[in-house]
Amino acid sequence: MTGHQGQRHFLFLSSSRRLDGNTETLAREAGKSLPAGSCQTWLRHADLPLPEFDDIRHAGDGVYPMPTGNALALLDATLTATDLVFVAPVYWYALPADAKLYLDHWSGWMRLPGVDFRARMAGKTMWAITMLSDHDTAQAEPLLGSLQWTAKYLGMRWGGSLQGYGNKPGDVIADNAALAKAAQLFAA
């Protein structure tokens, strides 16, 4: 699947509350090695806050209204991208609240008349870049599993993940293994 003019379009979605934190630093390192001709868009959930998600599937006619504001901007960016990169630190063994809320909105977007969200997501590639404050990478499994199952449900490809270590701001710069893997993440 390609984006504008045959290019792959990587959408980096940062859900960290810390501007330029370890997760985003690692993602920017990975972004330096995107395939030739790729374009990239960087969005921060903190800059595009979403309203609470109301599950109305079984209320009234179950038809969701077309999103507006930040929700519409995120919907458009999501549909335009060929590759979605979740830039999400592990928060309590899971996705940060902003990333989870974004995924909750997908439930409504799948039910928007004329948008064909599910069909348009099929074939895109999902990636994850995350940071842990512990060296036990198994602690990222719930976060990664959530994204992998989401990708599978929508017929998306799982591109892979990158995990780094960082407790205090700037710690990732000392994680040589993660930095080396960042240079290879999108090469496959």
C-alpha atoms as a PDB file:
ATOM      1  CA  MET A   1       0.000   0.000   0.000  1.00  0.00           C
ATOM      2  CA  THR A   2       1.344   3.417  -0.852  1.00  0.00           C
ATOM      3  CA  GLY A   3       0.604   7.000   0.048  1.00  0.00           C
ATOM      4  CA  HIS A   4       0.900  10.188  -1.954  1.00  0.00           C
ATOM      5  CA  GLN A   5       2.374   9.660  -5.404  1.00  0.00           C
ATOM      6  CA  GLY A   6       3.322   6.039  -4.697  1.00  0.00           C
ATOM      7  CA  GLN A   7       5.214   6.861  -1.494  1.00  0.00           C
ATOM      8  CA  ARG A   8       4.902   5.122   1.822  1.00  0.00           C
ATOM      9  CA  HIS A   9       3.557   7.531   4.394  1.00  0.00           C
ATOM     10  CA  PHE A  10       4.564   6.873   8.014  1.00  0.00           C
ATOM     11  CA  LEU A  11       2.341   8.403  10.680  1.00  0.00           C
ATOM     12  CA  PHE A  12       4.194   8.623  14.002  1.00  0.00           C
ATOM     13  CA  LEU A  13       1.643   8.954  16.823  1.00  0.00           C
ATOM     14  CA  SER A  14       3.287   9.995  20.074  1.00  0.00           C
ATOM     15  CA  SER A  15       1.301   9.343  23.227  1.00  0.00           C
ATOM     16  CA  SER A  16       3.946  10.326  25.738  1.00  0.00           C
ATOM     17  CA  ARG A  17       3.117  13.273  27.946  1.00  0.00           C
ATOM     18  CA  ARG A  18       6.779  14.270  27.999  1.00  0.00           C
ATOM     19  CA  LEU A  19       7.787  16.374  25.000  1.00  0.00           C
ATOM     20  CA  ASP A  20      10.967  14.985  23.435  1.00  0.00           C
ATOM     21  CA  GLY A  21      11.104  12.177  25.991  1.00  0.00           C
ATOM     22  CA  ASN A  22      12.958   8.899  25.644  1.00  0.00           C
ATOM     23  CA  THR A  23      10.283   7.233  23.505  1.00  0.00           C
ATOM     24  CA  GLU A  24      10.132  10.080  21.031  1.00  0.00           C
ATOM     25  CA  THR A  25      13.937  10.310  20.924  1.00  0.00           C
ATOM     26  CA  LEU A  26      14.150   6.622  20.053  1.00  0.00           C
ATOM     27  CA  ALA A  27      11.386   6.993  17.438  1.00  0.00           C
ATOM     28  CA  ARG A  28      13.175   9.929  15.807  1.00  0.00           C
ATOM     29  CA  GLU A  29      16.313   7.786  15.581  1.00  0.00           C
ATOM     30  CA  ALA A  30      14.276   5.062  13.872  1.00  0.00           C
ATOM     31  CA  GLY A  31      12.664   7.641  11.591  1.00  0.00           C
ATOM     32  CA  LYS A  32      16.078   8.550  10.185  1.00  0.00           C
ATOM     33  CA  SER A  33      16.220   5.166   8.457  1.00  0.00           C
ATOM     34  CA  LEU A  34      12.856   5.147   6.697  1.00  0.00           C
ATOM     35  CA  PRO A  35      12.881   3.635   3.207  1.00  0.00           C
ATOM     36  CA  ALA A  36      13.953   6.047   0.462  1.00  0.00           C
ATOM     37  CA  GLY A  37      11.081   8.129  -0.862  1.00  0.00           C
ATOM     38  CA  SER A  38       8.967   7.732   2.277  1.00  0.00           C
ATOM     39  CA  CYS A  39       7.224  10.655   3.841  1.00  0.00           C
ATOM     40  CA  GLN A  40       6.520  11.046   7.528  1.00  0.00           C
ATOM     41  CA  THR A  41       4.034  12.894   9.696  1.00  0.00           C
ATOM     42  CA  TRP A  42       4.504  13.340  13.450  1.00  0.00           C
ATOM     43  CA  LEU A  43       1.490  13.965  15.678  1.00  0.00           C
ATOM     44  CA  ARG A  44       1.280  14.149  19.460  1.00  0.00           C
ATOM     45  CA  HIS A  45      -1.928  13.063  21.149  1.00  0.00           C
ATOM     46  CA  ALA A  46      -1.343  15.773  23.776  1.00  0.00           C
ATOM     47  CA  ASP A  47      -1.630  18.371  20.987  1.00  0.00           C
ATOM     48  CA  LEU A  48      -4.798  16.764  19.587  1.00  0.00           C
ATOM     49  CA  PRO A  49      -6.845  15.755  22.632  1.00  0.00           C
ATOM     50  CA  LEU A  50      -9.834  13.573  21.875  1.00  0.00           C
ATOM     51  CA  PRO A  51     -13.192  13.691  23.610  1.00  0.00           C
ATOM     52  CA  GLU A  52     -14.240  10.749  25.724  1.00  0.00           C
ATOM     53  CA  PHE A  53     -15.478   7.876  23.595  1.00  0.00           C
ATOM     54  CA  ASP A  54     -19.155   6.989  23.911  1.00  0.00           C
ATOM     55  CA  ASP A  55     -20.034   3.489  22.765  1.00  0.00           C
ATOM     56  CA  ILE A  56     -23.411   3.965  21.072  1.00  0.00           C
ATOM     57  CA  ARG A  57     -23.381   0.794  18.961  1.00  0.00           C
ATOM     58  CA  HIS A  58     -26.438  -0.574  20.739  1.00  0.00           C
ATOM     59  CA  ALA A  59     -28.247   2.704  21.427  1.00  0.00           C
ATOM     60  CA  GLY A  60     -30.821   4.136  19.055  1.00  0.00           C
ATOM     61  CA  ASP A  61     -29.769   3.578  15.464  1.00  0.00           C
ATOM     62  CA  GLY A  62     -26.127   2.949  16.468  1.00  0.00           C
ATOM     63  CA  VAL A  63     -24.875   5.369  13.817  1.00  0.00           C
ATOM     64  CA  TYR A  64     -21.957   7.505  14.870  1.00  0.00           C
ATOM     65  CA  PRO A  65     -21.779  11.156  13.863  1.00  0.00           C
ATOM     66  CA  MET A  66     -18.928  12.264  11.636  1.00  0.00           C
ATOM     67  CA  PRO A  67     -16.070  13.405  13.884  1.00  0.00           C
ATOM     68  CA  THR A  68     -15.029  17.034  14.026  1.00  0.00           C
ATOM     69  CA  GLY A  69     -12.000  18.930  15.283  1.00  0.00           C
ATOM     70  CA  ASN A  70      -9.111  16.833  16.585  1.00  0.00           C
ATOM     71  CA  ALA A  71     -10.971  13.566  16.021  1.00  0.00           C
ATOM     72  CA  LEU A  72     -11.458  14.385  12.339  1.00  0.00           C
ATOM     73  CA  ALA A  73      -7.797  15.430  12.019  1.00  0.00           C
ATOM     74  CA  LEU A  74      -6.690  12.100  13.528  1.00  0.00           C
ATOM     75  CA  LEU A  75      -9.139  10.127  11.373  1.00  0.00           C
ATOM     76  CA  ASP A  76      -7.845  11.810   8.214  1.00  0.00           C
ATOM     77  CA  ALA A  77      -4.195  11.311   9.212  1.00  0.00           C
ATOM     78  CA  THR A  78      -4.880   7.664  10.038  1.00  0.00           C
ATOM     79  CA  LEU A  79      -6.547   6.973   6.701  1.00  0.00           C
ATOM     80  CA  THR A  80      -3.855   8.836   4.744  1.00  0.00           C
ATOM     81  CA  ALA A  81      -0.986   6.865   6.260  1.00  0.00           C
ATOM     82  CA  THR A  82       0.295   3.575   4.912  1.00  0.00           C
ATOM     83  CA  ASP A  83       2.194   2.858   8.120  1.00  0.00           C
ATOM     84  CA  LEU A  84       1.081   3.719  11.671  1.00  0.00           C
ATOM     85  CA  VAL A  85       3.866   3.940  14.243  1.00  0.00           C
ATOM     86  CA  PHE A  86       2.698   4.017  17.856  1.00  0.00           C
ATOM     87  CA  VAL A  87       5.289   5.965  19.833  1.00  0.00           C
ATOM     88  CA  ALA A  88       4.086   4.922  23.257  1.00  0.00           C
ATOM     89  CA  PRO A  89       5.976   4.431  26.500  1.00  0.00           C
ATOM     90  CA  VAL A  90       4.826   1.575  28.700  1.00  0.00           C
ATOM     91  CA  TYR A  91       2.496   3.051  31.331  1.00  0.00           C
ATOM     92  CA  TRP A  92       1.501   0.504  33.952  1.00  0.00           C
ATOM     93  CA  TYR A  93       2.243  -2.356  31.507  1.00  0.00           C
ATOM     94  CA  ALA A  94      -0.105  -0.975  28.867  1.00  0.00           C
ATOM     95  CA  LEU A  95      -0.674   1.786  26.348  1.00  0.00           C
ATOM     96  CA  PRO A  96      -0.835   5.341  27.637  1.00  0.00           C
ATOM     97  CA  ALA A  97      -4.391   6.611  28.089  1.00  0.00           C
ATOM     98  CA  ASP A  98      -4.205   8.895  25.015  1.00  0.00           C
ATOM     99  CA  ALA A  99      -3.245   5.991  22.726  1.00  0.00           C
ATOM    100  CA  LYS A 100      -5.961   3.775  24.189  1.00  0.00           C
ATOM    101  CA  LEU A 101      -8.567   6.529  23.735  1.00  0.00           C
ATOM    102  CA  TYR A 102      -7.452   6.924  20.108  1.00  0.00           C
ATOM    103  CA  LEU A 103      -8.010   3.193  19.559  1.00  0.00           C
ATOM    104  CA  ASP A 104     -11.396   3.419  21.292  1.00  0.00           C
ATOM    105  CA  HIS A 105     -12.418   5.995  18.683  1.00  0.00           C
ATOM    106  CA  TRP A 106     -11.612   3.454  15.976  1.00  0.00           C
ATOM    107  CA  SER A 107     -14.724   1.566  17.145  1.00  0.00           C
ATOM    108  CA  GLY A 108     -16.833   4.546  16.145  1.00  0.00           C
ATOM    109  CA  TRP A 109     -14.876   5.231  12.957  1.00  0.00           C
ATOM    110  CA  MET A 110     -15.580   1.664  11.797  1.00  0.00           C
ATOM    111  CA  ARG A 111     -19.261   2.545  11.898  1.00  0.00           C
ATOM    112  CA  LEU A 112     -19.194   5.879  10.070  1.00  0.00           C
ATOM    113  CA  PRO A 113     -21.364   5.725   6.963  1.00  0.00           C
ATOM    114  CA  GLY A 114     -19.325   6.037   3.767  1.00  0.00           C
ATOM    115  CA  VAL A 115     -15.890   6.066   5.455  1.00  0.00           C
ATOM    116  CA  ASP A 116     -15.152   2.326   5.076  1.00  0.00           C
ATOM    117  CA  PHE A 117     -12.616   2.593   7.899  1.00  0.00           C
ATOM    118  CA  ARG A 118     -12.075  -1.127   8.358  1.00  0.00           C
ATOM    119  CA  ALA A 119     -11.583  -1.798   4.656  1.00  0.00           C
ATOM    120  CA  ARG A 120      -9.235   1.178   4.316  1.00  0.00           C
ATOM    121  CA  MET A 121      -7.130   0.052   7.283  1.00  0.00           C
ATOM    122  CA  ALA A 122      -6.631  -3.440   5.851  1.00  0.00           C
ATOM    123  CA  GLY A 123      -3.179  -3.802   4.348  1.00  0.00           C
ATOM    124  CA  LYS A 124      -1.626  -0.902   6.264  1.00  0.00           C
ATOM    125  CA  THR A 125       1.308  -1.710   8.535  1.00  0.00           C
ATOM    126  CA  MET A 126       1.381  -1.100  12.280  1.00  0.00           C
ATOM    127  CA  TRP A 127       4.586  -0.587  14.275  1.00  0.00           C
ATOM    128  CA  ALA A 128       5.378   0.146  17.917  1.00  0.00           C
ATOM    129  CA  ILE A 129       8.230   2.028  19.541  1.00  0.00           C
ATOM    130  CA  THR A 130       8.164   1.910  23.316  1.00  0.00           C
ATOM    131  CA  MET A 131      10.250   2.561  26.374  1.00  0.00           C
ATOM    132  CA  LEU A 132      10.403   0.714  29.648  1.00  0.00           C
ATOM    133  CA  SER A 133      11.777   1.885  32.961  1.00  0.00           C
ATOM    134  CA  ASP A 134      12.854  -1.682  33.684  1.00  0.00           C
ATOM    135  CA  HIS A 135      15.263  -3.918  31.791  1.00  0.00           C
ATOM    136  CA  ASP A 136      12.680  -6.750  31.690  1.00  0.00           C
ATOM    137  CA  THR A 137      11.254  -6.347  28.177  1.00  0.00           C
ATOM    138  CA  ALA A 138       8.475  -8.831  28.986  1.00  0.00           C
ATOM    139  CA  GLN A 139       6.773  -5.923  30.726  1.00  0.00           C
ATOM    140  CA  ALA A 140       6.007  -4.463  27.277  1.00  0.00           C
ATOM    141  CA  GLU A 141       4.074  -7.566  26.195  1.00  0.00           C
ATOM    142  CA  PRO A 142       0.595  -6.257  27.169  1.00  0.00           C
ATOM    143  CA  LEU A 143       1.161  -3.031  25.199  1.00  0.00           C
ATOM    144  CA  LEU A 144       2.547  -4.879  22.187  1.00  0.00           C
ATOM    145  CA  GLY A 145      -0.141  -7.550  22.368  1.00  0.00           C
ATOM    146  CA  SER A 146      -2.877  -4.932  22.319  1.00  0.00           C
ATOM    147  CA  LEU A 147      -1.477  -3.392  19.151  1.00  0.00           C
ATOM    148  CA  GLN A 148      -0.801  -6.744  17.477  1.00  0.00           C
ATOM    149  CA  TRP A 149      -4.361  -7.920  18.125  1.00  0.00           C
ATOM    150  CA  THR A 150      -5.722  -4.609  16.848  1.00  0.00           C
ATOM    151  CA  ALA A 151      -3.699  -4.945  13.655  1.00  0.00           C
ATOM    152  CA  LYS A 152      -4.849  -8.527  13.165  1.00  0.00           C
ATOM    153  CA  TYR A 153      -8.501  -7.603  13.739  1.00  0.00           C
ATOM    154  CA  LEU A 154      -8.344  -4.969  11.020  1.00  0.00           C
ATOM    155  CA  GLY A 155      -6.335  -7.012   8.523  1.00  0.00           C
ATOM    156  CA  MET A 156      -3.244  -4.874   8.995  1.00  0.00           C
ATOM    157  CA  ARG A 157       0.316  -6.151   8.868  1.00  0.00           C
ATOM    158  CA  TRP A 158       2.447  -6.109  11.999  1.00  0.00           C
ATOM    159  CA  GLY A 159       5.721  -4.432  11.044  1.00  0.00           C
ATOM    160  CA  GLY A 160       7.497  -4.961  14.328  1.00  0.00           C
ATOM    161  CA  SER A 161       8.471  -3.219  17.490  1.00  0.00           C
ATOM    162  CA  LEU A 162      11.391  -1.499  19.120  1.00  0.00           C
ATOM    163  CA  GLN A 163      11.876  -1.347  22.863  1.00  0.00           C
ATOM    164  CA  GLY A 164      14.358   0.734  24.764  1.00  0.00           C
ATOM    165  CA  TYR A 165      15.254   1.425  28.346  1.00  0.00           C
ATOM    166  CA  GLY A 166      14.814   4.816  29.916  1.00  0.00           C
ATOM    167  CA  ASN A 167      13.797   5.941  33.357  1.00  0.00           C
ATOM    168  CA  LYS A 168      14.982   9.542  33.484  1.00  0.00           C
ATOM    169  CA  PRO A 169      14.887  11.954  30.524  1.00  0.00           C
ATOM    170  CA  GLY A 170      17.794  11.252  28.186  1.00  0.00           C
ATOM    171  CA  ASP A 171      18.473   7.707  29.410  1.00  0.00           C
ATOM    172  CA  VAL A 172      17.776   6.220  25.974  1.00  0.00           C
ATOM    173  CA  ILE A 173      20.937   7.831  24.589  1.00  0.00           C
ATOM    174  CA  ALA A 174      22.907   5.311  26.679  1.00  0.00           C
ATOM    175  CA  ASP A 175      20.888   2.331  25.361  1.00  0.00           C
ATOM    176  CA  ASN A 176      23.248   1.409  22.541  1.00  0.00           C
ATOM    177  CA  ALA A 177      21.378  -1.798  21.699  1.00  0.00           C
ATOM    178  CA  ALA A 178      18.075   0.065  21.212  1.00  0.00           C
ATOM    179  CA  LEU A 179      19.759   2.767  19.140  1.00  0.00           C
ATOM    180  CA  ALA A 180      21.348   0.136  16.886  1.00  0.00           C
ATOM    181  CA  LYS A 181      17.967  -1.583  16.458  1.00  0.00           C
ATOM    182  CA  ALA A 182      16.349   1.801  15.705  1.00  0.00           C
ATOM    183  CA  ALA A 183      18.568   2.134  12.645  1.00  0.00           C
ATOM    184  CA  GLN A 184      17.230  -1.213  11.364  1.00  0.00           C
ATOM    185  CA  LEU A 185      13.548  -1.129  12.382  1.00  0.00           C
ATOM    186  CA  PHE A 186      12.124   0.022   9.057  1.00  0.00           C
ATOM    187  CA  ALA A 187      14.742  -1.674   6.885  1.00  0.00           C
ATOM    188  CA  ALA A 188      12.990  -5.061   6.808  1.00  0.00           C
END
